[in-house]
Amino acid sequence: MKSSEIREIPLSELQERIQEERVQLHRLEMTHAVTPLENPMQIRARRRTIARMLTIYSERMRTENNDKK
């Protein structure tokens, strides 16, 4: 998922998506531990997507907190 796509997601939904992505990552890692994935780069891509989401989430939280002051 691209950063521009993530920025369009509402803040509350973004938090839910982060949790869903973490669950999916965990499932991928467990599957990979049992039987190797056909494309192990999926794990890296999922981790990076989560990192992008967390970065944008924290940026938006910071701007909301600054706006309230």
N, C-alpha and C. Protein backbone atom coordinates (compact mmCIF):
# COMPACT_ATOMS: atom_id res chain seq x y z
N MET A 1 0.84 -1.17 0.00
CA MET A 1 0.00 0.00 0.00
C MET A 1 0.90 1.24 0.00
N LYS A 2 0.58 2.17 -0.86
CA LYS A 2 1.38 3.37 -0.98
C LYS A 2 1.01 4.38 0.10
N SER A 3 1.94 5.28 0.38
CA SER A 3 1.72 6.29 1.40
C SER A 3 0.52 7.17 1.07
N SER A 4 0.36 7.51 -0.20
CA SER A 4 -0.76 8.36 -0.59
C SER A 4 -2.10 7.66 -0.32
N GLU A 5 -2.15 6.36 -0.49
CA GLU A 5 -3.37 5.61 -0.20
C GLU A 5 -3.64 5.57 1.30
N ILE A 6 -2.59 5.44 2.08
CA ILE A 6 -2.72 5.37 3.53
C ILE A 6 -3.21 6.71 4.08
N ARG A 7 -2.74 7.81 3.52
CA ARG A 7 -3.13 9.13 4.00
C ARG A 7 -4.61 9.42 3.80
N GLU A 8 -5.25 8.72 2.87
CA GLU A 8 -6.68 8.93 2.60
C GLU A 8 -7.57 8.21 3.62
N ILE A 9 -7.01 7.28 4.38
CA ILE A 9 -7.78 6.49 5.33
C ILE A 9 -8.03 7.34 6.59
N PRO A 10 -9.28 7.35 7.09
CA PRO A 10 -9.57 8.07 8.35
C PRO A 10 -8.75 7.50 9.50
N LEU A 11 -8.47 8.33 10.48
CA LEU A 11 -7.60 7.96 11.59
C LEU A 11 -8.09 6.73 12.35
N SER A 12 -9.38 6.67 12.65
CA SER A 12 -9.90 5.52 13.40
C SER A 12 -9.78 4.23 12.60
N GLU A 13 -10.04 4.30 11.31
CA GLU A 13 -9.93 3.13 10.46
C GLU A 13 -8.46 2.73 10.29
N LEU A 14 -7.58 3.71 10.27
CA LEU A 14 -6.15 3.43 10.13
C LEU A 14 -5.65 2.60 11.30
N GLN A 15 -6.11 2.92 12.49
CA GLN A 15 -5.71 2.16 13.67
C GLN A 15 -6.17 0.71 13.56
N GLU A 16 -7.38 0.50 13.06
CA GLU A 16 -7.89 -0.86 12.87
C GLU A 16 -7.08 -1.60 11.81
N ARG A 17 -6.74 -0.91 10.74
CA ARG A 17 -5.96 -1.51 9.66
C ARG A 17 -4.58 -1.94 10.15
N ILE A 18 -3.98 -1.13 11.01
CA ILE A 18 -2.66 -1.48 11.56
C ILE A 18 -2.76 -2.80 12.32
N GLN A 19 -3.81 -2.93 13.14
CA GLN A 19 -3.98 -4.17 13.90
C GLN A 19 -4.20 -5.36 12.96
N GLU A 20 -5.01 -5.18 11.92
CA GLU A 20 -5.25 -6.25 10.95
C GLU A 20 -3.96 -6.65 10.25
N GLU A 21 -3.15 -5.67 9.88
CA GLU A 21 -1.89 -5.96 9.19
C GLU A 21 -0.94 -6.72 10.10
N ARG A 22 -0.93 -6.37 11.38
CA ARG A 22 -0.08 -7.08 12.34
C ARG A 22 -0.49 -8.55 12.47
N VAL A 23 -1.81 -8.77 12.49
CA VAL A 23 -2.31 -10.15 12.57
C VAL A 23 -1.91 -10.92 11.31
N GLN A 24 -2.06 -10.30 10.16
CA GLN A 24 -1.69 -10.94 8.90
C GLN A 24 -0.19 -11.25 8.85
N LEU A 25 0.62 -10.32 9.34
CA LEU A 25 2.07 -10.55 9.39
C LEU A 25 2.39 -11.74 10.28
N HIS A 26 1.75 -11.81 11.42
CA HIS A 26 1.99 -12.92 12.34
C HIS A 26 1.61 -14.25 11.67
N ARG A 27 0.49 -14.26 10.97
CA ARG A 27 0.08 -15.49 10.27
C ARG A 27 1.09 -15.88 9.20
N LEU A 28 1.56 -14.89 8.46
CA LEU A 28 2.57 -15.17 7.43
C LEU A 28 3.83 -15.75 8.04
N GLU A 29 4.28 -15.15 9.14
CA GLU A 29 5.50 -15.64 9.80
C GLU A 29 5.33 -17.06 10.32
N MET A 30 4.16 -17.35 10.87
CA MET A 30 3.92 -18.70 11.38
C MET A 30 3.84 -19.71 10.23
N THR A 31 3.20 -19.34 9.16
CA THR A 31 3.12 -20.21 7.99
C THR A 31 4.51 -20.46 7.43
N HIS A 32 5.30 -19.42 7.38
CA HIS A 32 6.66 -19.53 6.84
C HIS A 32 7.53 -20.41 7.73
N ALA A 33 7.28 -20.41 9.03
CA ALA A 33 8.06 -21.24 9.94
C ALA A 33 7.76 -22.72 9.73
N VAL A 34 6.52 -23.03 9.38
CA VAL A 34 6.12 -24.41 9.19
C VAL A 34 6.52 -24.90 7.80
N THR A 35 6.07 -24.17 6.79
CA THR A 35 6.42 -24.50 5.41
C THR A 35 6.86 -23.22 4.72
N PRO A 36 7.99 -23.22 4.07
CA PRO A 36 8.48 -22.00 3.44
C PRO A 36 7.47 -21.42 2.45
N LEU A 37 7.34 -20.11 2.50
CA LEU A 37 6.45 -19.42 1.57
C LEU A 37 7.03 -19.45 0.17
N GLU A 38 6.16 -19.41 -0.80
CA GLU A 38 6.61 -19.36 -2.18
C GLU A 38 7.35 -18.05 -2.44
N ASN A 39 6.85 -16.97 -1.83
CA ASN A 39 7.48 -15.67 -1.98
C ASN A 39 7.71 -15.06 -0.59
N PRO A 40 8.86 -15.31 0.02
CA PRO A 40 9.11 -14.79 1.37
C PRO A 40 9.22 -13.26 1.44
N MET A 41 9.30 -12.61 0.28
CA MET A 41 9.34 -11.14 0.28
C MET A 41 8.02 -10.54 0.75
N GLN A 42 6.97 -11.36 0.82
CA GLN A 42 5.68 -10.90 1.33
C GLN A 42 5.82 -10.42 2.77
N ILE A 43 6.66 -11.09 3.53
CA ILE A 43 6.86 -10.73 4.93
C ILE A 43 7.48 -9.34 5.02
N ARG A 44 8.49 -9.08 4.21
CA ARG A 44 9.14 -7.77 4.21
C ARG A 44 8.16 -6.68 3.78
N ALA A 45 7.40 -6.97 2.75
CA ALA A 45 6.43 -5.99 2.25
C ALA A 45 5.39 -5.66 3.32
N ARG A 46 4.92 -6.68 4.03
CA ARG A 46 3.92 -6.47 5.08
C ARG A 46 4.51 -5.63 6.22
N ARG A 47 5.76 -5.92 6.61
CA ARG A 47 6.42 -5.15 7.67
C ARG A 47 6.56 -3.69 7.26
N ARG A 48 6.93 -3.45 6.02
CA ARG A 48 7.11 -2.08 5.55
C ARG A 48 5.78 -1.34 5.47
N THR A 49 4.73 -2.04 5.09
CA THR A 49 3.41 -1.42 5.06
C THR A 49 2.99 -1.00 6.46
N ILE A 50 3.22 -1.87 7.43
CA ILE A 50 2.90 -1.55 8.82
C ILE A 50 3.70 -0.33 9.28
N ALA A 51 4.97 -0.29 8.92
CA ALA A 51 5.82 0.85 9.30
C ALA A 51 5.30 2.15 8.68
N ARG A 52 4.90 2.09 7.41
CA ARG A 52 4.34 3.29 6.76
C ARG A 52 3.08 3.74 7.48
N MET A 53 2.22 2.79 7.81
CA MET A 53 0.97 3.11 8.50
C MET A 53 1.24 3.74 9.86
N LEU A 54 2.18 3.17 10.60
CA LEU A 54 2.50 3.70 11.92
C LEU A 54 3.10 5.10 11.83
N THR A 55 3.92 5.34 10.83
CA THR A 55 4.53 6.66 10.63
C THR A 55 3.46 7.69 10.35
N ILE A 56 2.58 7.39 9.43
CA ILE A 56 1.51 8.33 9.07
C ILE A 56 0.56 8.53 10.24
N TYR A 57 0.26 7.45 10.96
CA TYR A 57 -0.60 7.55 12.14
C TYR A 57 0.00 8.50 13.18
N SER A 58 1.29 8.33 13.45
CA SER A 58 1.93 9.19 14.46
C SER A 58 2.02 10.64 13.98
N GLU A 59 2.25 10.85 12.69
CA GLU A 59 2.27 12.21 12.16
C GLU A 59 0.92 12.89 12.35
N ARG A 60 -0.14 12.15 12.03
CA ARG A 60 -1.48 12.72 12.15
C ARG A 60 -1.85 12.97 13.61
N MET A 61 -1.44 12.08 14.50
CA MET A 61 -1.71 12.29 15.93
C MET A 61 -0.98 13.53 16.42
N ARG A 62 0.26 13.71 15.97
CA ARG A 62 1.03 14.88 16.36
C ARG A 62 0.37 16.17 15.88
N THR A 63 -0.10 16.18 14.64
CA THR A 63 -0.72 17.39 14.11
C THR A 63 -2.04 17.67 14.81
N GLU A 64 -2.78 16.62 15.17
CA GLU A 64 -4.02 16.82 15.92
C GLU A 64 -3.74 17.41 17.29
N ASN A 65 -2.71 16.90 17.96
CA ASN A 65 -2.36 17.42 19.29
C ASN A 65 -1.88 18.86 19.21
N ASN A 66 -1.14 19.21 18.15
CA ASN A 66 -0.68 20.59 17.98
C ASN A 66 -1.83 21.52 17.67
N ASP A 67 -2.82 21.04 16.94
CA ASP A 67 -3.97 21.85 16.60
C ASP A 67 -4.83 22.16 17.81
N LYS A 68 -4.86 21.25 18.77
CA LYS A 68 -5.67 21.43 19.98
C LYS A 68 -5.05 22.45 20.92
N LYS A 69 -3.75 22.66 20.83
CA LYS A 69 -3.07 23.57 21.76
C LYS A 69 -3.27 25.00 21.39
